[in-house]
Amino acid sequence: MIDDDALTFDGAELQTGAQKVLMIACGALAREVLAVVEANGWSHLSVTCLPAILHNSPDRIPDAVAQAVEKHRAGFDQIYVLYADCGTGGLLEARCKDLGVEMLRGPHCYSFFEGNEAFAARDEFTAFYLTDFLVRQFDAFVWKPLGLDKHPSLRDMYFGNYEKLVYQAQTDDPSLTAKAQVCAERLGLPLERRFTGYGDLAVEMQAFVQKS
């Protein structure tokens, strides 16, 4: 079982001459990041995840990332940050630049999962998005933080201007699709499922590794 909040993956082997690489990821990406690492056999690469709940507190992300970079910097040749802007208003990008580390491109995970160019071209302002992680953690990351567990009447105030719920599926899992349908019904929105796979997350992880 994967702990989305505290995944740590240490490469078991280091090939001669290979640099030791660390990727610091959002806990909401833990399963996807580990899947990409394992699919590519990156034995020289390690991953550590920050708490997924930072997803709901973007103002805390830059400091959390900076602390992680400083904590691990001495033990690795290269560090990459697997966060997009994630609601930090450019503050995370500025912090990463100061720290001398690279990060994912894009405004948020919904964008890089679909592909940043494709997402921007859609220009969807009336869609509410869920990923595999958010479907699994819908109550903890959507329903309860918005107070809908105690005040369900607030639903229409929050979601009345949305036209659909878009489920960006990273995996072909019928059980998650069924859960996404339930989430859509609870929000009073029609469901649109899009299979994205890992999108630009996988592309940029591969680019980072090639540069290391």
Protein backbone atom coordinates (compact mmCIF):
# COMPACT_ATOMS: atom_id res chain seq x y z
CA MET A 1 0.00 0.00 0.00
CA ILE A 2 1.31 3.45 -0.90
CA ASP A 3 1.14 6.21 1.71
CA ASP A 4 0.34 9.26 -0.40
CA ASP A 5 1.59 11.58 2.34
CA ALA A 6 4.97 10.05 3.07
CA LEU A 7 6.34 8.05 0.17
CA THR A 8 10.10 7.68 0.21
CA PHE A 9 11.75 5.64 -2.54
CA ASP A 10 15.50 5.13 -2.46
CA GLY A 11 17.27 3.81 -5.54
CA ALA A 12 18.76 0.45 -4.59
CA GLU A 13 21.69 0.57 -7.00
CA LEU A 14 23.90 3.32 -8.38
CA GLN A 15 25.49 2.67 -11.73
CA THR A 16 29.14 3.64 -12.05
CA GLY A 17 29.41 7.28 -13.07
CA ALA A 18 25.71 8.01 -12.58
CA GLN A 19 24.72 11.02 -10.55
CA LYS A 20 22.59 10.53 -7.46
CA VAL A 21 19.26 12.26 -8.09
CA LEU A 22 16.44 13.19 -5.70
CA MET A 23 12.95 14.20 -6.74
CA ILE A 24 10.88 16.06 -4.14
CA ALA A 25 7.23 15.50 -4.98
CA CYS A 26 3.78 16.49 -3.83
CA GLY A 27 2.24 13.62 -1.87
CA ALA A 28 -0.77 13.78 -4.19
CA LEU A 29 1.55 12.54 -6.96
CA ALA A 30 3.11 9.67 -5.01
CA ARG A 31 1.55 6.78 -6.93
CA GLU A 32 2.14 8.37 -10.31
CA VAL A 33 5.76 9.32 -9.59
CA LEU A 34 6.59 5.85 -8.29
CA ALA A 35 4.95 4.28 -11.35
CA VAL A 36 7.10 6.37 -13.71
CA VAL A 37 10.26 5.60 -11.73
CA GLU A 38 9.60 1.86 -11.74
CA ALA A 39 8.58 1.79 -15.41
CA ASN A 40 11.90 3.37 -16.38
CA GLY A 41 14.08 1.37 -14.00
CA TRP A 42 15.75 4.46 -12.56
CA SER A 43 17.87 2.76 -9.92
CA HIS A 44 19.98 5.87 -9.26
CA LEU A 45 16.96 8.03 -8.44
CA SER A 46 15.30 8.61 -5.08
CA VAL A 47 11.91 10.17 -4.34
CA THR A 48 10.55 11.78 -1.23
CA CYS A 49 7.05 13.24 -0.93
CA LEU A 50 5.84 16.18 1.10
CA PRO A 51 2.42 15.92 2.79
CA ALA A 52 -0.40 15.82 0.26
CA ILE A 53 -2.50 18.12 2.43
CA LEU A 54 -0.29 21.02 1.25
CA HIS A 55 -2.47 20.74 -1.85
CA ASN A 56 -5.07 22.66 0.20
CA SER A 57 -2.58 25.20 1.61
CA PRO A 58 -0.53 26.52 -1.32
CA ASP A 59 0.92 29.37 0.74
CA ARG A 60 2.86 26.74 2.73
CA ILE A 61 4.36 24.98 -0.29
CA PRO A 62 7.38 27.25 -1.00
CA ASP A 63 8.71 26.99 2.56
CA ALA A 64 8.07 23.25 2.72
CA VAL A 65 9.92 22.68 -0.56
CA ALA A 66 12.82 24.92 0.51
CA GLN A 67 13.19 23.04 3.79
CA ALA A 68 13.23 19.71 1.95
CA VAL A 69 15.84 20.92 -0.54
CA GLU A 70 18.14 22.17 2.22
CA LYS A 71 17.64 18.98 4.23
CA HIS A 72 18.66 16.70 1.37
CA ARG A 73 21.01 18.86 -0.71
CA ALA A 74 24.24 17.45 0.69
CA GLY A 75 23.30 13.87 -0.13
CA PHE A 76 22.49 14.28 -3.83
CA ASP A 77 24.13 15.57 -6.99
CA GLN A 78 20.83 16.85 -8.43
CA ILE A 79 17.44 17.72 -6.93
CA TYR A 80 14.26 18.27 -8.91
CA VAL A 81 10.95 19.56 -7.56
CA LEU A 82 7.83 17.75 -8.72
CA TYR A 83 5.39 20.59 -8.11
CA ALA A 84 3.88 22.98 -10.62
CA ASP A 85 2.91 26.47 -9.43
CA CYS A 86 0.03 24.88 -7.48
CA GLY A 87 -1.58 28.15 -6.45
CA THR A 88 1.55 29.82 -5.08
CA GLY A 89 1.28 32.78 -7.44
CA GLY A 90 4.82 32.35 -8.73
CA LEU A 91 6.37 32.18 -5.26
CA LEU A 92 7.43 28.55 -5.63
CA GLU A 93 9.14 29.28 -8.95
CA ALA A 94 11.02 32.18 -7.39
CA ARG A 95 12.06 30.06 -4.42
CA CYS A 96 13.27 27.22 -6.65
CA LYS A 97 15.26 29.70 -8.72
CA ASP A 98 16.93 31.01 -5.56
CA LEU A 99 17.68 27.44 -4.48
CA GLY A 100 19.09 26.53 -7.89
CA VAL A 101 16.67 23.65 -8.52
CA GLU A 102 14.27 22.98 -11.37
CA MET A 103 10.54 22.35 -11.03
CA LEU A 104 7.67 21.16 -13.20
CA ARG A 105 6.20 23.57 -15.70
CA GLY A 106 2.54 24.55 -15.59
CA PRO A 107 0.00 26.13 -13.28
CA HIS A 108 -1.11 22.93 -11.51
CA CYS A 109 -1.36 19.15 -11.77
CA TYR A 110 -4.57 19.24 -13.82
CA SER A 111 -2.62 21.07 -16.50
CA PHE A 112 0.46 18.88 -16.65
CA PHE A 113 -1.53 15.64 -16.46
CA GLU A 114 -3.50 16.66 -19.54
CA GLY A 115 -0.46 18.28 -21.12
CA ASN A 116 0.14 21.98 -20.55
CA GLU A 117 -0.46 23.02 -24.14
CA ALA A 118 -3.62 20.92 -24.49
CA PHE A 119 -4.99 22.14 -21.18
CA ALA A 120 -4.39 25.80 -22.02
CA ALA A 121 -6.09 25.37 -25.40
CA ARG A 122 -9.28 24.10 -23.77
CA ASP A 123 -9.76 27.36 -21.86
CA GLU A 124 -12.19 25.66 -19.47
CA PHE A 125 -13.31 27.94 -16.66
CA THR A 126 -16.51 26.13 -15.75
CA ALA A 127 -15.05 22.66 -15.14
CA PHE A 128 -14.14 21.23 -11.75
CA TYR A 129 -11.27 18.73 -11.91
CA LEU A 130 -10.44 15.55 -10.07
CA THR A 131 -7.42 13.29 -10.51
CA ASP A 132 -7.05 9.68 -9.38
CA PHE A 133 -5.74 10.95 -6.05
CA LEU A 134 -8.61 13.38 -5.51
CA VAL A 135 -11.19 10.75 -6.41
CA ARG A 136 -9.69 8.49 -3.74
CA GLN A 137 -9.46 11.33 -1.24
CA PHE A 138 -12.59 13.25 -2.20
CA ASP A 139 -13.98 13.56 1.33
CA ALA A 140 -10.65 14.56 2.90
CA PHE A 141 -9.57 17.03 0.21
CA VAL A 142 -12.85 18.42 -1.18
CA TRP A 143 -15.99 17.66 0.80
CA LYS A 144 -14.78 18.25 4.37
CA PRO A 145 -12.44 21.23 3.73
CA LEU A 146 -15.35 23.06 2.11
CA GLY A 147 -17.54 22.28 5.10
CA LEU A 148 -20.02 20.31 3.02
CA ASP A 149 -20.05 17.46 5.54
CA LYS A 150 -21.65 19.83 8.05
CA HIS A 151 -23.37 22.28 5.71
CA PRO A 152 -24.39 20.45 2.51
CA SER A 153 -26.62 23.37 1.55
CA LEU A 154 -23.44 25.27 0.63
CA ARG A 155 -22.91 22.97 -2.35
CA ASP A 156 -24.77 25.11 -4.86
CA MET A 157 -23.00 28.24 -3.67
CA TYR A 158 -19.62 26.61 -4.31
CA PHE A 159 -20.46 24.69 -7.47
CA GLY A 160 -23.46 26.44 -8.98
CA ASN A 161 -21.39 28.08 -11.70
CA TYR A 162 -19.60 24.89 -12.75
CA GLU A 163 -20.96 23.03 -15.76
CA LYS A 164 -19.23 19.66 -15.33
CA LEU A 165 -16.83 17.58 -13.30
CA VAL A 166 -13.84 16.44 -15.34
CA TYR A 167 -12.19 13.30 -14.03
CA GLN A 168 -8.63 13.17 -15.35
CA ALA A 169 -7.84 9.47 -15.09
CA GLN A 170 -4.20 8.52 -14.74
CA THR A 171 -5.09 4.82 -14.76
CA ASP A 172 -7.81 2.67 -16.31
CA ASP A 173 -9.49 1.66 -13.08
CA PRO A 174 -13.26 1.00 -13.28
CA SER A 175 -13.59 1.34 -9.51
CA LEU A 176 -12.16 4.86 -9.61
CA THR A 177 -14.45 5.78 -12.49
CA ALA A 178 -17.39 4.59 -10.42
CA LYS A 179 -16.18 6.67 -7.47
CA ALA A 180 -15.79 9.69 -9.76
CA GLN A 181 -19.40 9.26 -10.85
CA VAL A 182 -20.49 9.32 -7.21
CA CYS A 183 -18.41 12.46 -6.63
CA ALA A 184 -20.07 14.15 -9.60
CA GLU A 185 -23.53 13.23 -8.31
CA ARG A 186 -22.70 14.60 -4.88
CA LEU A 187 -21.66 17.89 -6.48
CA GLY A 188 -24.69 17.96 -8.77
CA LEU A 189 -22.54 17.98 -11.90
CA PRO A 190 -22.36 15.79 -15.02
CA LEU A 191 -19.21 13.68 -15.26
CA GLU A 192 -16.71 13.79 -18.11
CA ARG A 193 -13.91 11.23 -17.88
CA ARG A 194 -10.65 11.89 -19.71
CA PHE A 195 -7.84 9.39 -19.72
CA THR A 196 -4.65 11.45 -19.40
CA GLY A 197 -2.14 8.90 -18.19
CA TYR A 198 0.81 10.69 -16.59
CA GLY A 199 0.99 13.43 -19.24
CA ASP A 200 3.76 15.98 -18.94
CA LEU A 201 4.69 14.64 -15.49
CA ALA A 202 6.31 11.61 -17.13
CA VAL A 203 7.77 13.73 -19.95
CA GLU A 204 9.45 16.17 -17.59
CA MET A 205 10.67 13.48 -15.21
CA GLN A 206 12.37 11.82 -18.18
CA ALA A 207 13.88 15.16 -19.23
CA PHE A 208 15.21 15.74 -15.70
CA VAL A 209 16.81 12.31 -15.58
CA GLN A 210 18.42 12.76 -19.01
CA LYS A 211 20.06 15.97 -17.80
CA SER A 212 21.45 14.38 -14.64
